[in-house]
Amino acid sequence: MSSGPRIMVIYHHTHTILSSFCISLPTLHGLQFNFRGIISSCFEPHLMVYVDLEERTLMEHLEKLVQDEAWGMDDGSQTNILSSSMQVFLIIRRSLKRCCALTRNQTLLNLFKVFQRVLRAYAAKLLMKLPKGGMGIVTAAMTSDKDERLICYIVNTAEYCHKTAGELAENVSKIIDSELSDAVDMSEVQDEFTAVITKALVTLVHGVETKADIEMAAMTRVPWGTLESVGDQSEYVNNINIILTGSVPTLGSLLSPVYFQFFLDKLASSLGPRFYLNIFKCKQISETGAQQVSIILALFFLYPPISICYKQQR
């Protein structure tokens, strides 16, 4: 048996014996005996072995959970979050329960720091699952329906982890010895999950932009100077509308209202300027061509779901 488990077995047996002794000890001349913390204070300096063992165990579980994760392929999910996130907090709670049965002093604080590292590692793994790590370098091929669904799952999962990490810190601060409670803080870990959400949503916007850019670029290759007639339809706007129709409703059903609104705001503030920029790239526009461009502009902002982005933004 390694030193970590051996120390914990000795500690557990000693703690049990002393607890039984305290229960059976009679009151002497009205005095009550309080042995709380005596044994734990003796073992406390040596319990880092136990904390290290818990960290290795938690990290191994984390790797297994990430490896077994379906990553959004399970359409039967009712929560739209990755199941591994719930399992991560389950194993953390079990670890917390084991520790609280033995000590609520410095060792618990050290274990809480382990929880922080485990959650940071999970946030990093979520980030790595984004196309190109969420850095905004995406191509149309990267933003398939499956990719968009996965990004939404990552957003929802990071939101869940942000909330649950805060609840975990609040719970530990109530359990731990009062002089250590101020050191219990998950704000930096929560910031990392917020960063995952932001990068995921930006990646989602870039993916839709990239698809729309293909159609906008095709518009610049039209010989506007030799256009002979004006029509009330635009192939480019129709195709952009098809792209958004295929994405926006699904994203709205997967994302929370707050983050769906964030997505719409970012998309609306991007599509209009990009569309205008491509119009300025058009060369030698005749009077007929200018009339057609005006119709295209009107169609662009009137087509649902393009128009819904701007209505929601206002």
C-alpha atoms as a PDB file:
ATOM      1  CA  MET A   1       0.000   0.000   0.000  1.00  0.00           C
ATOM      2  CA  SER A   2       1.384   3.417  -0.953  1.00  0.00           C
ATOM      3  CA  SER A   3       1.920   6.145   1.646  1.00  0.00           C
ATOM      4  CA  GLY A   4      -1.226   8.102   0.711  1.00  0.00           C
ATOM      5  CA  PRO A   5      -3.797   5.354   1.363  1.00  0.00           C
ATOM      6  CA  ARG A   6      -1.810   4.126   4.402  1.00  0.00           C
ATOM      7  CA  ILE A   7      -1.940   7.566   6.057  1.00  0.00           C
ATOM      8  CA  MET A   8      -5.657   7.864   5.348  1.00  0.00           C
ATOM      9  CA  VAL A   9      -6.385   4.414   6.835  1.00  0.00           C
ATOM     10  CA  ILE A  10      -4.470   5.302  10.030  1.00  0.00           C
ATOM     11  CA  TYR A  11      -6.137   8.694  10.172  1.00  0.00           C
ATOM     12  CA  HIS A  12      -9.591   7.225   9.644  1.00  0.00           C
ATOM     13  CA  HIS A  13      -9.176   4.588  12.370  1.00  0.00           C
ATOM     14  CA  THR A  14      -7.723   7.108  14.837  1.00  0.00           C
ATOM     15  CA  HIS A  15     -10.501   9.568  14.081  1.00  0.00           C
ATOM     16  CA  THR A  16     -13.132   6.846  14.644  1.00  0.00           C
ATOM     17  CA  ILE A  17     -11.610   5.734  17.959  1.00  0.00           C
ATOM     18  CA  LEU A  18     -11.367   9.276  19.277  1.00  0.00           C
ATOM     19  CA  SER A  19     -14.930  10.063  18.204  1.00  0.00           C
ATOM     20  CA  SER A  20     -16.196   6.992  20.100  1.00  0.00           C
ATOM     21  CA  PHE A  21     -14.122   7.984  23.111  1.00  0.00           C
ATOM     22  CA  CYS A  22     -15.592  11.495  23.125  1.00  0.00           C
ATOM     23  CA  ILE A  23     -19.114  10.105  22.996  1.00  0.00           C
ATOM     24  CA  SER A  24     -18.517   7.745  25.929  1.00  0.00           C
ATOM     25  CA  LEU A  25     -16.528  10.215  28.028  1.00  0.00           C
ATOM     26  CA  PRO A  26     -18.644  11.390  30.985  1.00  0.00           C
ATOM     27  CA  THR A  27     -18.861  14.994  32.056  1.00  0.00           C
ATOM     28  CA  LEU A  28     -16.476  15.709  34.951  1.00  0.00           C
ATOM     29  CA  HIS A  29     -17.681  18.278  37.493  1.00  0.00           C
ATOM     30  CA  GLY A  30     -19.784  19.936  34.830  1.00  0.00           C
ATOM     31  CA  LEU A  31     -16.847  20.265  32.408  1.00  0.00           C
ATOM     32  CA  GLN A  32     -17.222  19.105  28.845  1.00  0.00           C
ATOM     33  CA  PHE A  33     -14.263  17.813  26.864  1.00  0.00           C
ATOM     34  CA  ASN A  34     -13.763  18.987  23.278  1.00  0.00           C
ATOM     35  CA  PHE A  35     -11.238  16.996  21.283  1.00  0.00           C
ATOM     36  CA  ARG A  36     -12.300  18.418  17.926  1.00  0.00           C
ATOM     37  CA  GLY A  37      -9.289  19.085  15.682  1.00  0.00           C
ATOM     38  CA  ILE A  38      -6.680  17.410  17.921  1.00  0.00           C
ATOM     39  CA  ILE A  39      -6.100  14.393  15.708  1.00  0.00           C
ATOM     40  CA  SER A  40      -6.584  16.236  12.417  1.00  0.00           C
ATOM     41  CA  SER A  41      -4.045  18.868  13.478  1.00  0.00           C
ATOM     42  CA  CYS A  42      -1.464  16.088  13.968  1.00  0.00           C
ATOM     43  CA  PHE A  43      -2.115  14.556  10.562  1.00  0.00           C
ATOM     44  CA  GLU A  44      -2.692  17.799   8.631  1.00  0.00           C
ATOM     45  CA  PRO A  45       0.973  18.421   7.639  1.00  0.00           C
ATOM     46  CA  HIS A  46       1.168  14.933   6.128  1.00  0.00           C
ATOM     47  CA  LEU A  47      -2.090  14.922   4.166  1.00  0.00           C
ATOM     48  CA  MET A  48      -0.670  16.430   0.953  1.00  0.00           C
ATOM     49  CA  VAL A  49      -0.032  12.828  -0.077  1.00  0.00           C
ATOM     50  CA  TYR A  50      -3.760  12.277   0.142  1.00  0.00           C
ATOM     51  CA  VAL A  51      -4.465  15.493  -1.818  1.00  0.00           C
ATOM     52  CA  ASP A  52      -1.994  14.438  -4.532  1.00  0.00           C
ATOM     53  CA  LEU A  53      -3.693  11.054  -4.760  1.00  0.00           C
ATOM     54  CA  GLU A  54      -7.112  12.695  -5.120  1.00  0.00           C
ATOM     55  CA  GLU A  55      -5.763  14.972  -7.864  1.00  0.00           C
ATOM     56  CA  ARG A  56      -4.336  12.058  -9.846  1.00  0.00           C
ATOM     57  CA  THR A  57      -7.600  10.167  -9.485  1.00  0.00           C
ATOM     58  CA  LEU A  58      -9.726  13.146 -10.544  1.00  0.00           C
ATOM     59  CA  MET A  59      -7.518  13.913 -13.553  1.00  0.00           C
ATOM     60  CA  GLU A  60      -7.633  10.292 -14.666  1.00  0.00           C
ATOM     61  CA  HIS A  61     -11.421  10.323 -14.405  1.00  0.00           C
ATOM     62  CA  LEU A  62     -11.507  13.577 -16.355  1.00  0.00           C
ATOM     63  CA  GLU A  63      -9.442  12.106 -19.199  1.00  0.00           C
ATOM     64  CA  LYS A  64     -11.746   9.084 -19.358  1.00  0.00           C
ATOM     65  CA  LEU A  65     -14.881  11.238 -19.357  1.00  0.00           C
ATOM     66  CA  VAL A  66     -13.559  13.443 -22.161  1.00  0.00           C
ATOM     67  CA  GLN A  67     -12.503  10.395 -24.149  1.00  0.00           C
ATOM     68  CA  ASP A  68     -15.960   8.817 -23.809  1.00  0.00           C
ATOM     69  CA  GLU A  69     -17.874  12.044 -24.507  1.00  0.00           C
ATOM     70  CA  ALA A  70     -20.193  11.924 -27.538  1.00  0.00           C
ATOM     71  CA  TRP A  71     -19.444  15.616 -28.327  1.00  0.00           C
ATOM     72  CA  GLY A  72     -22.915  16.548 -29.423  1.00  0.00           C
ATOM     73  CA  MET A  73     -23.555  13.409 -31.464  1.00  0.00           C
ATOM     74  CA  ASP A  74     -26.193  12.228 -29.000  1.00  0.00           C
ATOM     75  CA  ASP A  75     -29.339  13.954 -30.276  1.00  0.00           C
ATOM     76  CA  GLY A  76     -31.326  12.385 -27.447  1.00  0.00           C
ATOM     77  CA  SER A  77     -29.924  14.821 -24.899  1.00  0.00           C
ATOM     78  CA  GLN A  78     -32.631  16.843 -23.175  1.00  0.00           C
ATOM     79  CA  THR A  79     -30.272  19.386 -21.622  1.00  0.00           C
ATOM     80  CA  ASN A  80     -28.200  20.406 -24.669  1.00  0.00           C
ATOM     81  CA  ILE A  81     -25.052  20.178 -22.547  1.00  0.00           C
ATOM     82  CA  LEU A  82     -22.240  17.630 -22.641  1.00  0.00           C
ATOM     83  CA  SER A  83     -22.771  14.767 -20.205  1.00  0.00           C
ATOM     84  CA  SER A  84     -19.113  14.825 -19.186  1.00  0.00           C
ATOM     85  CA  SER A  85     -19.630  18.174 -17.426  1.00  0.00           C
ATOM     86  CA  MET A  86     -22.199  16.696 -15.050  1.00  0.00           C
ATOM     87  CA  GLN A  87     -19.950  13.697 -14.417  1.00  0.00           C
ATOM     88  CA  VAL A  88     -16.993  15.982 -13.648  1.00  0.00           C
ATOM     89  CA  PHE A  89     -18.934  17.727 -10.895  1.00  0.00           C
ATOM     90  CA  LEU A  90     -20.222  14.374  -9.638  1.00  0.00           C
ATOM     91  CA  ILE A  91     -16.695  13.033  -9.057  1.00  0.00           C
ATOM     92  CA  ILE A  92     -15.683  16.358  -7.487  1.00  0.00           C
ATOM     93  CA  ARG A  93     -18.606  16.155  -5.033  1.00  0.00           C
ATOM     94  CA  ARG A  94     -17.642  12.604  -4.112  1.00  0.00           C
ATOM     95  CA  SER A  95     -14.072  13.728  -3.469  1.00  0.00           C
ATOM     96  CA  LEU A  96     -15.367  16.600  -1.343  1.00  0.00           C
ATOM     97  CA  LYS A  97     -17.524  14.226   0.689  1.00  0.00           C
ATOM     98  CA  ARG A  98     -14.574  11.917   1.351  1.00  0.00           C
ATOM     99  CA  CYS A  99     -12.440  14.796   2.574  1.00  0.00           C
ATOM    100  CA  CYS A 100     -15.129  16.349   4.770  1.00  0.00           C
ATOM    101  CA  ALA A 101     -15.531  13.050   6.604  1.00  0.00           C
ATOM    102  CA  LEU A 102     -11.916  13.422   7.753  1.00  0.00           C
ATOM    103  CA  THR A 103     -10.958  17.091   7.911  1.00  0.00           C
ATOM    104  CA  ARG A 104     -12.242  20.545   7.141  1.00  0.00           C
ATOM    105  CA  ASN A 105      -8.992  22.406   7.670  1.00  0.00           C
ATOM    106  CA  GLN A 106      -6.071  23.216   5.350  1.00  0.00           C
ATOM    107  CA  THR A 107      -6.340  19.870   3.598  1.00  0.00           C
ATOM    108  CA  LEU A 108      -9.836  20.764   2.422  1.00  0.00           C
ATOM    109  CA  LEU A 109      -8.537  24.070   1.077  1.00  0.00           C
ATOM    110  CA  ASN A 110      -5.738  22.214  -0.719  1.00  0.00           C
ATOM    111  CA  LEU A 111      -8.290  19.842  -2.201  1.00  0.00           C
ATOM    112  CA  PHE A 112     -10.421  22.799  -3.312  1.00  0.00           C
ATOM    113  CA  LYS A 113      -7.393  24.057  -5.262  1.00  0.00           C
ATOM    114  CA  VAL A 114      -7.301  20.642  -6.919  1.00  0.00           C
ATOM    115  CA  PHE A 115     -10.937  21.134  -7.949  1.00  0.00           C
ATOM    116  CA  GLN A 116      -9.922  24.448  -9.503  1.00  0.00           C
ATOM    117  CA  ARG A 117      -7.180  22.752 -11.545  1.00  0.00           C
ATOM    118  CA  VAL A 118      -9.525  19.975 -12.665  1.00  0.00           C
ATOM    119  CA  LEU A 119     -12.123  22.498 -13.847  1.00  0.00           C
ATOM    120  CA  ARG A 120      -9.464  24.588 -15.625  1.00  0.00           C
ATOM    121  CA  ALA A 121      -8.317  21.428 -17.403  1.00  0.00           C
ATOM    122  CA  TYR A 122     -11.904  20.729 -18.462  1.00  0.00           C
ATOM    123  CA  ALA A 123     -12.325  24.305 -19.747  1.00  0.00           C
ATOM    124  CA  ALA A 124      -9.144  23.849 -21.822  1.00  0.00           C
ATOM    125  CA  LYS A 125     -10.510  20.627 -23.307  1.00  0.00           C
ATOM    126  CA  LEU A 126     -13.757  22.369 -24.273  1.00  0.00           C
ATOM    127  CA  LEU A 127     -11.745  25.102 -25.949  1.00  0.00           C
ATOM    128  CA  MET A 128      -9.696  22.603 -27.927  1.00  0.00           C
ATOM    129  CA  LYS A 129     -12.853  21.059 -29.336  1.00  0.00           C
ATOM    130  CA  LEU A 130     -13.797  24.321 -31.053  1.00  0.00           C
ATOM    131  CA  PRO A 131     -12.813  24.616 -34.723  1.00  0.00           C
ATOM    132  CA  LYS A 132      -9.210  25.911 -34.710  1.00  0.00           C
ATOM    133  CA  GLY A 133      -9.411  26.324 -30.932  1.00  0.00           C
ATOM    134  CA  GLY A 134     -11.939  29.142 -31.185  1.00  0.00           C
ATOM    135  CA  MET A 135      -9.441  31.607 -32.649  1.00  0.00           C
ATOM    136  CA  GLY A 136     -11.773  32.673 -35.439  1.00  0.00           C
ATOM    137  CA  ILE A 137      -9.818  30.939 -38.238  1.00  0.00           C
ATOM    138  CA  VAL A 138     -12.566  28.851 -39.764  1.00  0.00           C
ATOM    139  CA  THR A 139     -13.653  27.723 -43.189  1.00  0.00           C
ATOM    140  CA  ALA A 140     -17.095  26.902 -44.528  1.00  0.00           C
ATOM    141  CA  ALA A 141     -16.218  23.198 -44.313  1.00  0.00           C
ATOM    142  CA  MET A 142     -15.646  23.564 -40.566  1.00  0.00           C
ATOM    143  CA  THR A 143     -19.105  24.900 -39.857  1.00  0.00           C
ATOM    144  CA  SER A 144     -21.299  22.022 -40.896  1.00  0.00           C
ATOM    145  CA  ASP A 145     -24.565  21.400 -39.076  1.00  0.00           C
ATOM    146  CA  LYS A 146     -22.696  18.978 -36.809  1.00  0.00           C
ATOM    147  CA  ASP A 147     -20.035  21.586 -36.020  1.00  0.00           C
ATOM    148  CA  GLU A 148     -22.619  24.238 -35.192  1.00  0.00           C
ATOM    149  CA  ARG A 149     -24.458  21.849 -32.903  1.00  0.00           C
ATOM    150  CA  LEU A 150     -21.205  20.980 -31.119  1.00  0.00           C
ATOM    151  CA  ILE A 151     -20.345  24.669 -30.641  1.00  0.00           C
ATOM    152  CA  CYS A 152     -23.774  25.263 -29.091  1.00  0.00           C
ATOM    153  CA  TYR A 153     -23.258  22.302 -26.756  1.00  0.00           C
ATOM    154  CA  ILE A 154     -19.894  23.754 -25.712  1.00  0.00           C
ATOM    155  CA  VAL A 155     -21.496  27.151 -25.010  1.00  0.00           C
ATOM    156  CA  ASN A 156     -24.227  25.548 -22.901  1.00  0.00           C
ATOM    157  CA  THR A 157     -21.733  23.303 -21.106  1.00  0.00           C
ATOM    158  CA  ALA A 158     -19.426  26.207 -20.243  1.00  0.00           C
ATOM    159  CA  GLU A 159     -22.453  28.147 -18.964  1.00  0.00           C
ATOM    160  CA  TYR A 160     -23.418  25.172 -16.762  1.00  0.00           C
ATOM    161  CA  CYS A 161     -19.845  24.830 -15.463  1.00  0.00           C
ATOM    162  CA  HIS A 162     -19.660  28.558 -14.696  1.00  0.00           C
ATOM    163  CA  LYS A 163     -22.826  28.362 -12.608  1.00  0.00           C
ATOM    164  CA  THR A 164     -22.020  25.057 -10.897  1.00  0.00           C
ATOM    165  CA  ALA A 165     -18.437  26.088 -10.066  1.00  0.00           C
ATOM    166  CA  GLY A 166     -19.823  29.087  -8.209  1.00  0.00           C
ATOM    167  CA  GLU A 167     -22.225  26.864  -6.288  1.00  0.00           C
ATOM    168  CA  LEU A 168     -19.360  24.496  -5.423  1.00  0.00           C
ATOM    169  CA  ALA A 169     -17.292  27.361  -3.999  1.00  0.00           C
ATOM    170  CA  GLU A 170     -20.251  28.593  -1.978  1.00  0.00           C
ATOM    171  CA  ASN A 171     -20.794  25.107  -0.562  1.00  0.00           C
ATOM    172  CA  VAL A 172     -17.115  24.631   0.376  1.00  0.00           C
ATOM    173  CA  SER A 173     -16.944  28.063   2.019  1.00  0.00           C
ATOM    174  CA  LYS A 174     -19.777  27.009   4.340  1.00  0.00           C
ATOM    175  CA  ILE A 175     -18.115  23.690   5.222  1.00  0.00           C
ATOM    176  CA  ILE A 176     -14.492  24.708   5.675  1.00  0.00           C
ATOM    177  CA  ASP A 177     -13.162  26.186   8.928  1.00  0.00           C
ATOM    178  CA  SER A 178     -14.203  29.812   9.108  1.00  0.00           C
ATOM    179  CA  GLU A 179     -10.659  31.222   9.110  1.00  0.00           C
ATOM    180  CA  LEU A 180     -10.064  29.641   5.676  1.00  0.00           C
ATOM    181  CA  SER A 181     -13.387  30.491   4.027  1.00  0.00           C
ATOM    182  CA  ASP A 182     -12.123  33.732   2.449  1.00  0.00           C
ATOM    183  CA  ALA A 183      -9.597  31.740   0.413  1.00  0.00           C
ATOM    184  CA  VAL A 184     -12.376  29.742  -1.259  1.00  0.00           C
ATOM    185  CA  ASP A 185     -12.953  31.468  -4.595  1.00  0.00           C
ATOM    186  CA  MET A 186     -13.878  30.189  -8.061  1.00  0.00           C
ATOM    187  CA  SER A 187     -13.962  33.530  -9.884  1.00  0.00           C
ATOM    188  CA  GLU A 188     -10.828  32.856 -11.964  1.00  0.00           C
ATOM    189  CA  VAL A 189     -12.128  29.441 -12.985  1.00  0.00           C
ATOM    190  CA  GLN A 190     -15.474  30.998 -13.892  1.00  0.00           C
ATOM    191  CA  ASP A 191     -13.613  33.565 -16.018  1.00  0.00           C
ATOM    192  CA  GLU A 192     -12.084  30.708 -18.002  1.00  0.00           C
ATOM    193  CA  PHE A 193     -15.501  29.239 -18.742  1.00  0.00           C
ATOM    194  CA  THR A 194     -16.704  32.713 -19.761  1.00  0.00           C
ATOM    195  CA  ALA A 195     -13.765  32.896 -22.181  1.00  0.00           C
ATOM    196  CA  VAL A 196     -14.815  29.525 -23.638  1.00  0.00           C
ATOM    197  CA  ILE A 197     -18.343  30.859 -24.188  1.00  0.00           C
ATOM    198  CA  THR A 198     -17.100  34.028 -25.884  1.00  0.00           C
ATOM    199  CA  LYS A 199     -14.686  32.196 -28.191  1.00  0.00           C
ATOM    200  CA  ALA A 200     -17.317  29.603 -29.050  1.00  0.00           C
ATOM    201  CA  LEU A 201     -19.876  32.244 -30.021  1.00  0.00           C
ATOM    202  CA  VAL A 202     -17.305  34.184 -32.045  1.00  0.00           C
ATOM    203  CA  THR A 203     -16.400  30.941 -33.830  1.00  0.00           C
ATOM    204  CA  LEU A 204     -20.086  30.379 -34.558  1.00  0.00           C
ATOM    205  CA  VAL A 205     -20.436  33.873 -36.043  1.00  0.00           C
ATOM    206  CA  HIS A 206     -17.254  33.469 -38.123  1.00  0.00           C
ATOM    207  CA  GLY A 207     -18.549  30.179 -39.493  1.00  0.00           C
ATOM    208  CA  VAL A 208     -21.779  31.745 -40.765  1.00  0.00           C
ATOM    209  CA  GLU A 209     -19.849  34.774 -42.066  1.00  0.00           C
ATOM    210  CA  THR A 210     -17.534  32.523 -44.061  1.00  0.00           C
ATOM    211  CA  LYS A 211     -20.442  30.824 -45.785  1.00  0.00           C
ATOM    212  CA  ALA A 212     -22.050  34.176 -46.593  1.00  0.00           C
ATOM    213  CA  ASP A 213     -18.720  35.578 -47.839  1.00  0.00           C
ATOM    214  CA  ILE A 214     -18.669  33.025 -50.645  1.00  0.00           C
ATOM    215  CA  GLU A 215     -21.953  34.388 -51.989  1.00  0.00           C
ATOM    216  CA  MET A 216     -20.945  38.016 -51.434  1.00  0.00           C
ATOM    217  CA  ALA A 217     -17.676  37.481 -53.292  1.00  0.00           C
ATOM    218  CA  ALA A 218     -19.561  36.021 -56.263  1.00  0.00           C
ATOM    219  CA  MET A 219     -21.515  39.285 -56.479  1.00  0.00           C
ATOM    220  CA  THR A 220     -18.321  41.236 -57.195  1.00  0.00           C
ATOM    221  CA  ARG A 221     -17.677  39.167 -60.328  1.00  0.00           C
ATOM    222  CA  VAL A 222     -20.903  40.245 -62.048  1.00  0.00           C
ATOM    223  CA  PRO A 223     -20.366  42.543 -65.094  1.00  0.00           C
ATOM    224  CA  TRP A 224     -22.457  45.370 -63.622  1.00  0.00           C
ATOM    225  CA  GLY A 225     -21.370  47.779 -66.337  1.00  0.00           C
ATOM    226  CA  THR A 226     -23.052  45.773 -69.111  1.00  0.00           C
ATOM    227  CA  LEU A 227     -26.213  44.756 -67.240  1.00  0.00           C
ATOM    228  CA  GLU A 228     -29.211  45.293 -69.558  1.00  0.00           C
ATOM    229  CA  SER A 229     -32.225  44.612 -67.321  1.00  0.00           C
ATOM    230  CA  VAL A 230     -33.317  44.834 -63.710  1.00  0.00           C
ATOM    231  CA  GLY A 231     -34.883  41.927 -61.806  1.00  0.00           C
ATOM    232  CA  ASP A 232     -36.730  41.669 -58.508  1.00  0.00           C
ATOM    233  CA  GLN A 233     -34.689  38.674 -57.340  1.00  0.00           C
ATOM    234  CA  SER A 234     -31.076  38.186 -56.286  1.00  0.00           C
ATOM    235  CA  GLU A 235     -29.348  34.845 -56.437  1.00  0.00           C
ATOM    236  CA  TYR A 236     -26.747  36.027 -53.921  1.00  0.00           C
ATOM    237  CA  VAL A 237     -29.287  37.236 -51.369  1.00  0.00           C
ATOM    238  CA  ASN A 238     -31.361  34.080 -51.895  1.00  0.00           C
ATOM    239  CA  ASN A 239     -28.318  31.904 -51.183  1.00  0.00           C
ATOM    240  CA  ILE A 240     -27.371  33.918 -48.088  1.00  0.00           C
ATOM    241  CA  ASN A 241     -30.952  33.558 -46.920  1.00  0.00           C
ATOM    242  CA  ILE A 242     -30.741  29.773 -47.426  1.00  0.00           C
ATOM    243  CA  ILE A 243     -27.515  29.692 -45.372  1.00  0.00           C
ATOM    244  CA  LEU A 244     -29.104  31.607 -42.492  1.00  0.00           C
ATOM    245  CA  THR A 245     -32.369  29.672 -42.693  1.00  0.00           C
ATOM    246  CA  GLY A 246     -30.363  26.484 -42.290  1.00  0.00           C
ATOM    247  CA  SER A 247     -28.516  27.777 -39.225  1.00  0.00           C
ATOM    248  CA  VAL A 248     -30.368  30.472 -37.285  1.00  0.00           C
ATOM    249  CA  PRO A 249     -33.502  28.515 -36.202  1.00  0.00           C
ATOM    250  CA  THR A 250     -31.409  25.543 -35.044  1.00  0.00           C
ATOM    251  CA  LEU A 251     -29.033  27.769 -33.104  1.00  0.00           C
ATOM    252  CA  GLY A 252     -31.998  29.535 -31.500  1.00  0.00           C
ATOM    253  CA  SER A 253     -33.355  26.194 -30.294  1.00  0.00           C
ATOM    254  CA  LEU A 254     -30.014  25.102 -28.815  1.00  0.00           C
ATOM    255  CA  LEU A 255     -28.648  28.288 -27.238  1.00  0.00           C
ATOM    256  CA  SER A 256     -30.062  30.083 -24.220  1.00  0.00           C
ATOM    257  CA  PRO A 257     -31.884  33.352 -25.093  1.00  0.00           C
ATOM    258  CA  VAL A 258     -28.982  35.441 -23.746  1.00  0.00           C
ATOM    259  CA  TYR A 259     -26.338  33.785 -25.898  1.00  0.00           C
ATOM    260  CA  PHE A 260     -28.585  33.492 -28.954  1.00  0.00           C
ATOM    261  CA  GLN A 261     -29.096  37.251 -28.709  1.00  0.00           C
ATOM    262  CA  PHE A 262     -25.314  37.718 -28.448  1.00  0.00           C
ATOM    263  CA  PHE A 263     -24.909  35.629 -31.623  1.00  0.00           C
ATOM    264  CA  LEU A 264     -27.541  37.662 -33.492  1.00  0.00           C
ATOM    265  CA  ASP A 265     -26.001  40.959 -32.392  1.00  0.00           C
ATOM    266  CA  LYS A 266     -22.547  39.931 -33.580  1.00  0.00           C
ATOM    267  CA  LEU A 267     -23.879  38.529 -36.855  1.00  0.00           C
ATOM    268  CA  ALA A 268     -25.980  41.626 -37.557  1.00  0.00           C
ATOM    269  CA  SER A 269     -23.076  43.972 -36.873  1.00  0.00           C
ATOM    270  CA  SER A 270     -20.926  41.934 -39.273  1.00  0.00           C
ATOM    271  CA  LEU A 271     -23.133  40.983 -42.242  1.00  0.00           C
ATOM    272  CA  GLY A 272     -24.225  44.518 -43.175  1.00  0.00           C
ATOM    273  CA  PRO A 273     -20.721  46.042 -43.352  1.00  0.00           C
ATOM    274  CA  ARG A 274     -19.413  42.966 -45.192  1.00  0.00           C
ATOM    275  CA  PHE A 275     -22.230  43.253 -47.723  1.00  0.00           C
ATOM    276  CA  TYR A 276     -21.532  46.964 -48.266  1.00  0.00           C
ATOM    277  CA  LEU A 277     -17.807  46.272 -48.618  1.00  0.00           C
ATOM    278  CA  ASN A 278     -18.448  43.773 -51.403  1.00  0.00           C
ATOM    279  CA  ILE A 279     -20.688  46.259 -53.213  1.00  0.00           C
ATOM    280  CA  PHE A 280     -17.846  48.788 -53.220  1.00  0.00           C
ATOM    281  CA  LYS A 281     -15.632  46.129 -54.745  1.00  0.00           C
ATOM    282  CA  CYS A 282     -17.923  45.974 -57.780  1.00  0.00           C
ATOM    283  CA  LYS A 283     -16.342  47.843 -60.731  1.00  0.00           C
ATOM    284  CA  GLN A 284     -17.892  49.933 -63.525  1.00  0.00           C
ATOM    285  CA  ILE A 285     -21.502  49.890 -62.402  1.00  0.00           C
ATOM    286  CA  SER A 286     -23.882  51.231 -65.046  1.00  0.00           C
ATOM    287  CA  GLU A 287     -27.168  52.998 -64.276  1.00  0.00           C
ATOM    288  CA  THR A 288     -29.042  49.732 -64.771  1.00  0.00           C
ATOM    289  CA  GLY A 289     -26.511  47.959 -62.609  1.00  0.00           C
ATOM    290  CA  ALA A 290     -26.926  50.572 -59.872  1.00  0.00           C
ATOM    291  CA  GLN A 291     -30.689  50.013 -59.895  1.00  0.00           C
ATOM    292  CA  GLN A 292     -30.136  46.280 -59.533  1.00  0.00           C
ATOM    293  CA  VAL A 293     -27.691  46.842 -56.660  1.00  0.00           C
ATOM    294  CA  SER A 294     -30.308  49.001 -54.896  1.00  0.00           C
ATOM    295  CA  ILE A 295     -32.832  46.176 -55.233  1.00  0.00           C
ATOM    296  CA  ILE A 296     -30.266  43.686 -53.891  1.00  0.00           C
ATOM    297  CA  LEU A 297     -29.666  45.924 -50.876  1.00  0.00           C
ATOM    298  CA  ALA A 298     -33.380  46.167 -50.172  1.00  0.00           C
ATOM    299  CA  LEU A 299     -33.802  42.416 -50.518  1.00  0.00           C
ATOM    300  CA  PHE A 300     -30.834  41.780 -48.246  1.00  0.00           C
ATOM    301  CA  PHE A 301     -32.310  43.668 -45.300  1.00  0.00           C
ATOM    302  CA  LEU A 302     -35.898  42.506 -45.899  1.00  0.00           C
ATOM    303  CA  TYR A 303     -35.277  38.778 -46.275  1.00  0.00           C
ATOM    304  CA  PRO A 304     -36.023  36.637 -43.237  1.00  0.00           C
ATOM    305  CA  PRO A 305     -33.990  35.508 -41.365  1.00  0.00           C
ATOM    306  CA  ILE A 306     -31.579  38.307 -42.351  1.00  0.00           C
ATOM    307  CA  SER A 307     -34.062  40.931 -41.203  1.00  0.00           C
ATOM    308  CA  ILE A 308     -34.618  39.171 -37.862  1.00  0.00           C
ATOM    309  CA  CYS A 309     -30.963  39.737 -36.953  1.00  0.00           C
ATOM    310  CA  TYR A 310     -31.454  43.480 -37.261  1.00  0.00           C
ATOM    311  CA  LYS A 311     -34.884  43.511 -35.600  1.00  0.00           C
ATOM    312  CA  GLN A 312     -33.513  41.541 -32.640  1.00  0.00           C
ATOM    313  CA  GLN A 313     -30.498  43.838 -32.451  1.00  0.00           C
ATOM    314  CA  ARG A 314     -32.716  46.909 -32.113  1.00  0.00           C
END
